[in-house]
Amino acid sequence: MNDVGPGPFVLTVNGGSSSLKFALYGTAAPLRRVAGGMIDRIGLPESVLAVTGPAKSGLGRQAVEAPDHAAAVGLLMEWLEKHIGFTKVRAVGHRVVHGGSVYSRPAPVTADMLAELRRIGPYDPEHLPSEIALIEAFTRRDPQLRQIACFDTAFHHDMPRAARLLAIPRRYDKMGVRRYGFHGLSCAFLMKELARIGTKEEAEGRVILAHLGNGASMTAVTGGKSVETTMGFTPTSGLPMSRRSGDLDPGLVSYLARTEGMSADRFHRMVNTESGLLGLSECSSDMRDLLARERSDPRAAEAVEFFCYQARKWIGALAAVMGGLDQLVFSAGIGERSPVIRARICDGLQFLGVELDAARNEADAPVISKHKGRVTVRVIPTDEEIEIAQSVCLMLDANNKVQ
């Protein structure tokens, strides 16, 4: 049937607003990814199932019908049954974007957890409802299947109190309305990688993690702990992103309500799907497209300049929180694969000790700073899926030891 081995396997599931990413790992150490893929364009015409890996069948791309996440997860389970054997899946690890104030580490899915996630659903209406639907679909398929929730907010859960507060009436803080931060699974993986490839002192020093992809955020880490991050109560805040606005003057809400009759739902849609690089450029949300057009389209050039300016500003702010900077790590799609954006962001940060080596940067080298620079600037590819898989395996091992 396949050449992925006899199992058992851990399945990781990462549900976005219109996509479902998955990966399959063998549970023997060291963890090995044996297959993976994505169901894209969920709820849209021409949905696609794409699978990669060593399995002898079921690979490539195929058109599918995926009107919603329930249908998408059904397609995934059908593929697993046909090409892997569903009973070989020992556990499923889910990326859950928001853990609220309750969850600070990976945890087994329970009825109480699902009730809490439903309660905080308004915190993140783009992700939480679909993530809950995915968990419930696996429960219907096999009620005994172990499922582990891995929270994107967990890495930032214990930020200093001043970094978590919002300057609104205190009663809202008691209701859980505060700054949470996101991209925590990526941050956790990057810090483990930094500890692996660098020294202990580097991993415990003053680090800025720049996760720059379709979603973009930066996190200040000292002593291995998150002390500040650009995203706050929702993933819309902080840096401008492909379609998200990043930070805005809150007065815009009332202004647009008065002048255009804009509802809260319409404003929410605008700042999450119509803003950022797309809103500024009016042509594309993809940084590659904007770089290709910047010489001929001033809107594209301005969007790129704004992104780099905001990123540079945030690096300065995060360095101030930590009292300096030792390591700057670029990651995710733009951070890993765009030398020109990295160079533009770092241009002007020499006062912090950031000095790039142009040749290393162009080559996407692991270290792109000058050899004797005060700040080491790295490019580290992120891997949220293996971070989830490792967390699941640790929980499975701990559970077996208890038994």
Protein backbone atom coordinates (compact mmCIF):
# COMPACT_ATOMS: atom_id res chain seq x y z
CA MET A 1 0.00 0.00 0.00
CA ASN A 2 2.82 2.45 0.86
CA ASP A 3 6.41 2.72 1.98
CA VAL A 4 5.92 4.90 5.04
CA GLY A 5 6.43 2.00 7.41
CA PRO A 6 4.13 0.01 9.67
CA GLY A 7 3.31 2.86 12.06
CA PRO A 8 2.06 3.97 14.46
CA PHE A 9 1.94 7.57 13.31
CA VAL A 10 1.15 11.01 14.68
CA LEU A 11 -0.95 13.26 12.46
CA THR A 12 -0.65 17.04 12.74
CA VAL A 13 -3.51 19.24 11.60
CA ASN A 14 -3.33 22.98 10.98
CA GLY A 15 -6.65 24.47 9.94
CA GLY A 16 -6.70 27.95 8.41
CA SER A 17 -9.69 29.99 7.32
CA SER A 18 -9.67 28.44 3.83
CA SER A 19 -7.07 25.68 4.07
CA LEU A 20 -6.20 22.53 5.97
CA LYS A 21 -2.53 21.56 6.26
CA PHE A 22 -1.54 18.15 7.56
CA ALA A 23 1.57 16.07 8.14
CA LEU A 24 2.21 12.48 9.18
CA TYR A 25 5.14 11.50 11.42
CA GLY A 26 6.51 8.20 12.58
CA THR A 27 6.62 8.05 16.37
CA ALA A 28 10.09 6.47 16.67
CA ALA A 29 12.93 8.82 17.56
CA PRO A 30 14.09 10.84 15.79
CA LEU A 31 10.74 12.03 14.44
CA ARG A 32 10.49 11.56 10.70
CA ARG A 33 7.93 13.20 8.46
CA VAL A 34 6.60 10.53 6.13
CA ALA A 35 3.88 12.44 4.28
CA GLY A 36 2.12 15.76 4.28
CA GLY A 37 -0.08 18.02 2.29
CA MET A 38 -2.84 20.56 2.12
CA ILE A 39 -6.46 20.93 1.15
CA ASP A 40 -6.66 24.44 -0.23
CA ARG A 41 -9.49 26.79 -1.24
CA ILE A 42 -11.97 25.34 1.26
CA GLY A 43 -15.39 26.87 0.64
CA LEU A 44 -14.28 28.15 -2.77
CA PRO A 45 -14.47 26.81 -6.33
CA GLU A 46 -11.68 24.52 -7.53
CA SER A 47 -10.62 23.15 -4.14
CA VAL A 48 -7.39 21.15 -4.31
CA LEU A 49 -5.89 18.26 -2.34
CA ALA A 50 -2.10 18.20 -2.64
CA VAL A 51 -0.01 15.47 -0.99
CA THR A 52 3.76 15.01 -0.82
CA GLY A 53 5.93 12.28 0.69
CA PRO A 54 7.38 8.84 0.03
CA ALA A 55 4.05 6.99 -0.15
CA LYS A 56 3.83 5.14 -3.46
CA SER A 57 0.27 6.21 -4.13
CA GLY A 58 -2.06 9.07 -3.37
CA LEU A 59 0.50 11.79 -4.13
CA GLY A 60 0.29 14.87 -6.32
CA ARG A 61 -2.59 17.29 -6.80
CA GLN A 62 -6.22 16.56 -7.46
CA ALA A 63 -9.38 18.63 -7.67
CA VAL A 64 -11.82 17.96 -4.81
CA GLU A 65 -15.12 19.23 -3.46
CA ALA A 66 -14.54 20.96 -0.11
CA PRO A 67 -17.45 23.31 0.64
CA ASP A 68 -16.47 23.54 4.33
CA HIS A 69 -13.97 22.26 6.89
CA ALA A 70 -16.13 19.24 7.73
CA ALA A 71 -15.92 18.13 4.11
CA ALA A 72 -12.19 18.85 4.00
CA VAL A 73 -11.41 16.73 7.05
CA GLY A 74 -13.56 13.97 5.55
CA LEU A 75 -11.33 14.04 2.47
CA LEU A 76 -8.25 13.83 4.68
CA MET A 77 -9.61 10.83 6.57
CA GLU A 78 -10.53 9.11 3.30
CA TRP A 79 -6.97 9.63 2.05
CA LEU A 80 -5.53 8.28 5.30
CA GLU A 81 -7.78 5.21 5.18
CA LYS A 82 -6.93 4.45 1.56
CA HIS A 83 -3.20 5.11 1.53
CA ILE A 84 -1.99 4.75 5.14
CA GLY A 85 -4.64 2.97 7.18
CA PHE A 86 -6.55 5.16 9.63
CA THR A 87 -6.02 2.73 12.51
CA LYS A 88 -2.27 3.40 12.26
CA VAL A 89 -2.82 6.97 13.47
CA ARG A 90 -2.04 6.88 17.17
CA ALA A 91 -2.85 10.50 17.93
CA VAL A 92 -3.74 13.80 16.25
CA GLY A 93 -2.07 17.08 17.19
CA HIS A 94 -4.08 20.19 16.36
CA ARG A 95 -2.75 23.71 16.01
CA VAL A 96 -5.27 25.81 17.92
CA VAL A 97 -4.64 29.49 17.36
CA HIS A 98 -6.09 30.79 20.64
CA GLY A 99 -5.87 29.22 24.10
CA GLY A 100 -7.24 32.23 25.95
CA SER A 101 -6.13 32.78 29.54
CA VAL A 102 -6.61 29.11 30.51
CA TYR A 103 -4.23 27.10 28.31
CA SER A 104 -0.50 27.68 28.56
CA ARG A 105 0.80 24.36 27.20
CA PRO A 106 -0.32 21.47 24.96
CA ALA A 107 -3.23 19.57 26.49
CA PRO A 108 -5.47 16.57 25.68
CA VAL A 109 -8.77 17.51 24.11
CA THR A 110 -11.66 17.14 26.57
CA ALA A 111 -15.29 18.21 26.69
CA ASP A 112 -14.31 20.97 29.13
CA MET A 113 -11.64 22.24 26.73
CA LEU A 114 -14.09 22.37 23.83
CA ALA A 115 -16.56 24.25 26.01
CA GLU A 116 -13.88 26.81 26.88
CA LEU A 117 -12.84 27.17 23.23
CA ARG A 118 -16.45 27.79 22.26
CA ARG A 119 -16.72 30.41 25.01
CA ILE A 120 -13.72 32.32 23.68
CA GLY A 121 -14.76 31.80 20.04
CA PRO A 122 -15.38 35.57 19.62
CA TYR A 123 -11.69 36.16 20.44
CA ASP A 124 -10.77 34.60 17.08
CA PRO A 125 -13.78 34.00 14.82
CA GLU A 126 -11.52 33.31 11.79
CA HIS A 127 -9.90 30.23 13.31
CA LEU A 128 -11.49 28.80 16.46
CA PRO A 129 -14.85 27.63 14.99
CA SER A 130 -13.15 25.71 12.17
CA GLU A 131 -10.53 24.26 14.56
CA ILE A 132 -13.29 23.02 16.87
CA ALA A 133 -15.08 21.51 13.85
CA LEU A 134 -11.91 19.60 12.90
CA ILE A 135 -11.52 18.17 16.40
CA GLU A 136 -15.16 17.10 16.48
CA ALA A 137 -14.88 15.43 13.08
CA PHE A 138 -12.02 13.22 14.31
CA THR A 139 -13.99 12.43 17.46
CA ARG A 140 -16.94 11.25 15.37
CA ARG A 141 -14.62 9.10 13.26
CA ASP A 142 -12.97 7.50 16.31
CA PRO A 143 -14.11 8.54 19.81
CA GLN A 144 -11.10 6.75 21.34
CA LEU A 145 -8.51 8.53 19.19
CA ARG A 146 -6.21 10.67 21.30
CA GLN A 147 -6.24 14.33 20.29
CA ILE A 148 -3.87 16.98 21.60
CA ALA A 149 -4.40 20.73 21.26
CA CYS A 150 -1.25 22.80 20.77
CA PHE A 151 -1.90 26.49 21.31
CA ASP A 152 -0.32 29.30 19.30
CA THR A 153 -0.69 31.66 22.27
CA ALA A 154 1.04 29.37 24.79
CA PHE A 155 4.61 30.62 24.17
CA HIS A 156 3.55 34.13 25.22
CA HIS A 157 1.29 33.12 28.10
CA ASP A 158 3.65 34.30 30.83
CA MET A 159 4.82 37.60 29.35
CA PRO A 160 5.35 40.31 31.98
CA ARG A 161 2.13 41.87 33.23
CA ALA A 162 2.90 45.20 31.58
CA ALA A 163 3.22 43.47 28.21
CA ARG A 164 -0.16 41.75 28.60
CA LEU A 165 -2.28 44.71 29.68
CA LEU A 166 -4.54 46.80 27.46
CA ALA A 167 -5.18 50.37 28.62
CA ILE A 168 -8.96 50.00 28.75
CA PRO A 169 -11.23 49.70 31.83
CA ARG A 170 -9.83 47.06 34.16
CA ARG A 171 -13.04 45.01 34.20
CA TYR A 172 -12.20 43.78 30.70
CA ASP A 173 -8.88 42.38 31.87
CA LYS A 174 -10.83 40.26 34.36
CA MET A 175 -12.89 39.00 31.41
CA GLY A 176 -9.75 37.87 29.58
CA VAL A 177 -9.43 40.82 27.22
CA ARG A 178 -5.67 41.35 27.10
CA ARG A 179 -2.67 40.95 24.81
CA TYR A 180 -1.97 37.29 24.04
CA GLY A 181 0.45 37.10 21.12
CA PHE A 182 0.50 34.45 18.40
CA HIS A 183 2.87 32.42 16.19
CA GLY A 184 3.92 30.74 19.43
CA LEU A 185 4.47 27.31 17.87
CA SER A 186 6.88 28.87 15.39
CA CYS A 187 8.63 30.74 18.21
CA ALA A 188 9.01 27.56 20.28
CA PHE A 189 10.52 25.71 17.33
CA LEU A 190 12.89 28.55 16.44
CA MET A 191 14.20 28.78 20.00
CA LYS A 192 14.89 25.04 20.06
CA GLU A 193 16.71 25.36 16.74
CA LEU A 194 18.73 28.30 18.03
CA ALA A 195 19.76 26.24 21.05
CA ARG A 196 20.70 23.34 18.76
CA ILE A 197 22.78 25.27 16.22
CA GLY A 198 24.16 27.98 18.50
CA THR A 199 25.51 28.15 22.01
CA LYS A 200 23.61 28.07 25.27
CA GLU A 201 24.51 31.70 25.82
CA GLU A 202 23.05 32.66 22.44
CA ALA A 203 19.77 30.87 23.11
CA GLU A 204 19.47 32.49 26.53
CA GLY A 205 20.46 35.94 25.35
CA ARG A 206 18.43 38.80 23.90
CA VAL A 207 16.70 37.45 20.80
CA ILE A 208 14.18 38.85 18.32
CA LEU A 209 12.28 36.28 16.30
CA ALA A 210 10.93 37.78 13.05
CA HIS A 211 8.22 35.46 11.70
CA LEU A 212 7.49 37.19 8.39
CA GLY A 213 4.99 35.39 6.18
CA ASN A 214 1.41 36.00 5.10
CA GLY A 215 0.91 36.56 8.81
CA ALA A 216 3.77 38.51 10.35
CA SER A 217 4.89 39.07 13.91
CA MET A 218 8.02 39.66 15.95
CA THR A 219 8.78 38.42 19.43
CA ALA A 220 11.37 39.52 21.98
CA VAL A 221 12.83 36.59 23.94
CA THR A 222 15.21 36.73 26.90
CA GLY A 223 16.31 33.71 28.89
CA GLY A 224 14.27 31.60 26.48
CA LYS A 225 11.03 33.35 27.53
CA SER A 226 8.75 35.66 25.55
CA VAL A 227 8.79 39.14 27.08
CA GLU A 228 7.02 41.10 24.33
CA THR A 229 5.44 40.46 20.94
CA THR A 230 3.87 42.55 18.20
CA MET A 231 0.48 40.78 18.01
CA GLY A 232 -1.96 41.42 20.83
CA PHE A 233 -5.57 40.45 21.58
CA THR A 234 -5.99 39.22 17.99
CA PRO A 235 -3.59 38.26 15.18
CA THR A 236 -4.65 41.42 13.31
CA SER A 237 -2.48 43.72 15.40
CA GLY A 238 1.20 44.61 15.20
CA LEU A 239 3.02 44.50 11.88
CA PRO A 240 1.21 45.03 8.56
CA MET A 241 0.70 41.67 6.85
CA SER A 242 -0.39 40.35 3.48
CA ARG A 243 -4.06 41.20 4.09
CA ARG A 244 -4.20 42.25 7.76
CA SER A 245 -3.78 45.88 8.68
CA GLY A 246 -1.56 45.60 11.74
CA ASP A 247 -1.86 48.35 14.34
CA LEU A 248 -4.46 51.07 13.70
CA ASP A 249 -5.83 54.08 15.55
CA PRO A 250 -8.93 52.71 17.36
CA GLY A 251 -10.69 55.97 16.49
CA LEU A 252 -11.06 54.63 12.95
CA VAL A 253 -13.90 52.38 14.14
CA SER A 254 -16.15 55.26 15.16
CA TYR A 255 -15.00 57.48 12.28
CA LEU A 256 -15.92 54.93 9.61
CA ALA A 257 -19.15 54.09 11.42
CA ARG A 258 -20.17 57.77 11.30
CA THR A 259 -18.96 58.63 7.81
CA GLU A 260 -19.68 55.39 5.93
CA GLY A 261 -22.10 53.57 8.20
CA MET A 262 -19.52 50.80 8.50
CA SER A 263 -20.63 47.99 10.83
CA ALA A 264 -18.36 46.13 13.22
CA ASP A 265 -18.51 43.03 10.98
CA ARG A 266 -17.61 45.09 7.90
CA PHE A 267 -14.69 46.75 9.72
CA HIS A 268 -13.51 43.33 10.91
CA ARG A 269 -13.57 42.01 7.35
CA MET A 270 -11.73 45.06 6.03
CA VAL A 271 -8.82 44.90 8.49
CA ASN A 272 -8.43 41.12 8.19
CA THR A 273 -8.87 40.46 4.46
CA GLU A 274 -8.65 43.74 2.52
CA SER A 275 -5.82 45.65 4.20
CA GLY A 276 -2.07 45.23 4.71
CA LEU A 277 0.01 44.83 1.55
CA LEU A 278 -3.12 44.24 -0.52
CA GLY A 279 -4.88 47.34 0.74
CA LEU A 280 -1.88 49.62 0.26
CA SER A 281 -0.84 48.28 -3.14
CA GLU A 282 -4.34 47.68 -4.54
CA CYS A 283 -2.82 44.92 -6.67
CA SER A 284 -1.42 42.00 -4.63
CA SER A 285 -0.96 40.60 -1.13
CA ASP A 286 2.17 38.70 -2.21
CA MET A 287 5.50 40.35 -1.46
CA ARG A 288 7.06 38.70 -4.53
CA ASP A 289 4.52 40.39 -6.80
CA LEU A 290 5.08 43.74 -5.15
CA LEU A 291 8.86 43.57 -5.51
CA ALA A 292 8.44 42.71 -9.19
CA ARG A 293 6.16 45.74 -9.68
CA GLU A 294 7.73 48.35 -7.42
CA ARG A 295 9.67 50.10 -10.21
CA SER A 296 6.57 50.55 -12.34
CA ASP A 297 3.85 50.92 -9.69
CA PRO A 298 4.32 53.49 -6.91
CA ARG A 299 1.55 51.82 -4.87
CA ALA A 300 3.52 48.56 -4.79
CA ALA A 301 6.72 50.43 -3.90
CA GLU A 302 4.96 52.23 -1.07
CA ALA A 303 3.52 49.00 0.33
CA VAL A 304 6.99 47.40 0.40
CA GLU A 305 8.53 50.49 1.99
CA PHE A 306 5.81 50.62 4.64
CA PHE A 307 6.28 46.94 5.53
CA CYS A 308 10.05 47.33 5.95
CA TYR A 309 9.69 50.59 7.88
CA GLN A 310 7.24 49.05 10.35
CA ALA A 311 9.42 45.96 10.79
CA ARG A 312 12.49 48.11 11.46
CA LYS A 313 10.52 50.23 13.94
CA TRP A 314 9.36 47.16 15.84
CA ILE A 315 12.87 45.72 16.03
CA GLY A 316 13.98 48.96 17.67
CA ALA A 317 11.08 48.83 20.13
CA LEU A 318 11.64 45.18 21.04
CA ALA A 319 15.38 45.77 21.50
CA ALA A 320 14.52 48.63 23.87
CA VAL A 321 12.35 46.29 25.96
CA MET A 322 15.31 43.92 26.34
CA GLY A 323 17.98 46.59 26.78
CA GLY A 324 19.80 45.55 23.61
CA LEU A 325 19.99 42.77 21.05
CA ASP A 326 22.22 39.73 20.59
CA GLN A 327 20.40 37.63 17.96
CA LEU A 328 17.96 38.53 15.16
CA VAL A 329 16.28 35.53 13.52
CA PHE A 330 14.36 35.79 10.24
CA SER A 331 11.85 33.05 9.47
CA ALA A 332 8.67 32.13 7.53
CA GLY A 333 8.10 32.77 3.82
CA ILE A 334 9.34 36.36 3.47
CA GLY A 335 11.91 36.07 6.24
CA GLU A 336 13.42 32.88 4.84
CA ARG A 337 13.33 33.66 1.11
CA SER A 338 13.55 37.41 0.51
CA PRO A 339 17.10 38.78 0.80
CA VAL A 340 16.01 42.21 -0.42
CA ILE A 341 13.39 42.59 2.32
CA ARG A 342 15.82 41.41 5.01
CA ALA A 343 18.39 43.94 3.77
CA ARG A 344 15.90 46.81 3.72
CA ILE A 345 14.64 46.00 7.20
CA CYS A 346 18.16 45.88 8.61
CA ASP A 347 19.33 49.05 6.83
CA GLY A 348 19.36 51.66 9.58
CA LEU A 349 19.77 49.21 12.46
CA GLN A 350 23.54 49.58 12.57
CA PHE A 351 23.17 51.56 15.82
CA LEU A 352 21.98 48.30 17.43
CA GLY A 353 24.94 46.39 16.04
CA VAL A 354 23.06 44.85 13.09
CA GLU A 355 25.35 44.60 10.05
CA LEU A 356 24.54 42.25 7.18
CA ASP A 357 27.03 40.51 4.93
CA ALA A 358 25.57 41.17 1.46
CA ALA A 359 26.86 37.96 -0.11
CA ARG A 360 25.65 35.75 2.75
CA ASN A 361 22.27 37.46 2.70
CA GLU A 362 21.84 36.96 -1.05
CA ALA A 363 22.69 33.27 -0.61
CA ASP A 364 20.11 32.80 2.18
CA ALA A 365 22.96 31.56 4.37
CA PRO A 366 22.20 30.34 7.91
CA VAL A 367 24.12 33.36 9.28
CA ILE A 368 23.80 36.54 7.20
CA SER A 369 25.53 39.05 9.48
CA LYS A 370 29.16 40.13 9.24
CA HIS A 371 31.60 37.81 10.92
CA LYS A 372 32.52 40.14 13.78
CA GLY A 373 29.23 42.00 14.09
CA ARG A 374 27.82 42.63 17.57
CA VAL A 375 24.47 41.07 16.60
CA THR A 376 24.24 37.67 14.94
CA VAL A 377 21.56 37.71 12.24
CA ARG A 378 20.25 34.29 11.23
CA VAL A 379 17.84 32.72 8.76
CA ILE A 380 16.14 29.69 10.31
CA PRO A 381 13.32 27.89 8.45
CA THR A 382 10.40 27.36 10.78
CA ASP A 383 8.48 24.10 11.19
CA GLU A 384 5.28 24.37 13.20
CA GLU A 385 4.22 20.84 12.24
CA ILE A 386 7.19 19.10 13.81
CA GLU A 387 6.80 21.29 16.90
CA ILE A 388 3.24 19.96 17.21
CA ALA A 389 4.36 16.37 16.56
CA GLN A 390 7.09 16.59 19.21
CA SER A 391 4.62 17.94 21.77
CA VAL A 392 2.19 15.12 21.01
CA CYS A 393 4.88 12.45 21.33
CA LEU A 394 6.07 13.89 24.63
CA MET A 395 2.53 13.73 25.98
CA LEU A 396 2.06 10.18 24.72
CA ASP A 397 5.32 9.08 26.34
CA ALA A 398 4.40 10.76 29.63
CA ASN A 399 0.99 9.11 29.56
CA ASN A 400 2.52 5.69 28.96
CA LYS A 401 4.91 6.16 31.87
CA VAL A 402 2.02 7.09 34.16
CA GLN A 403 0.12 3.99 33.08
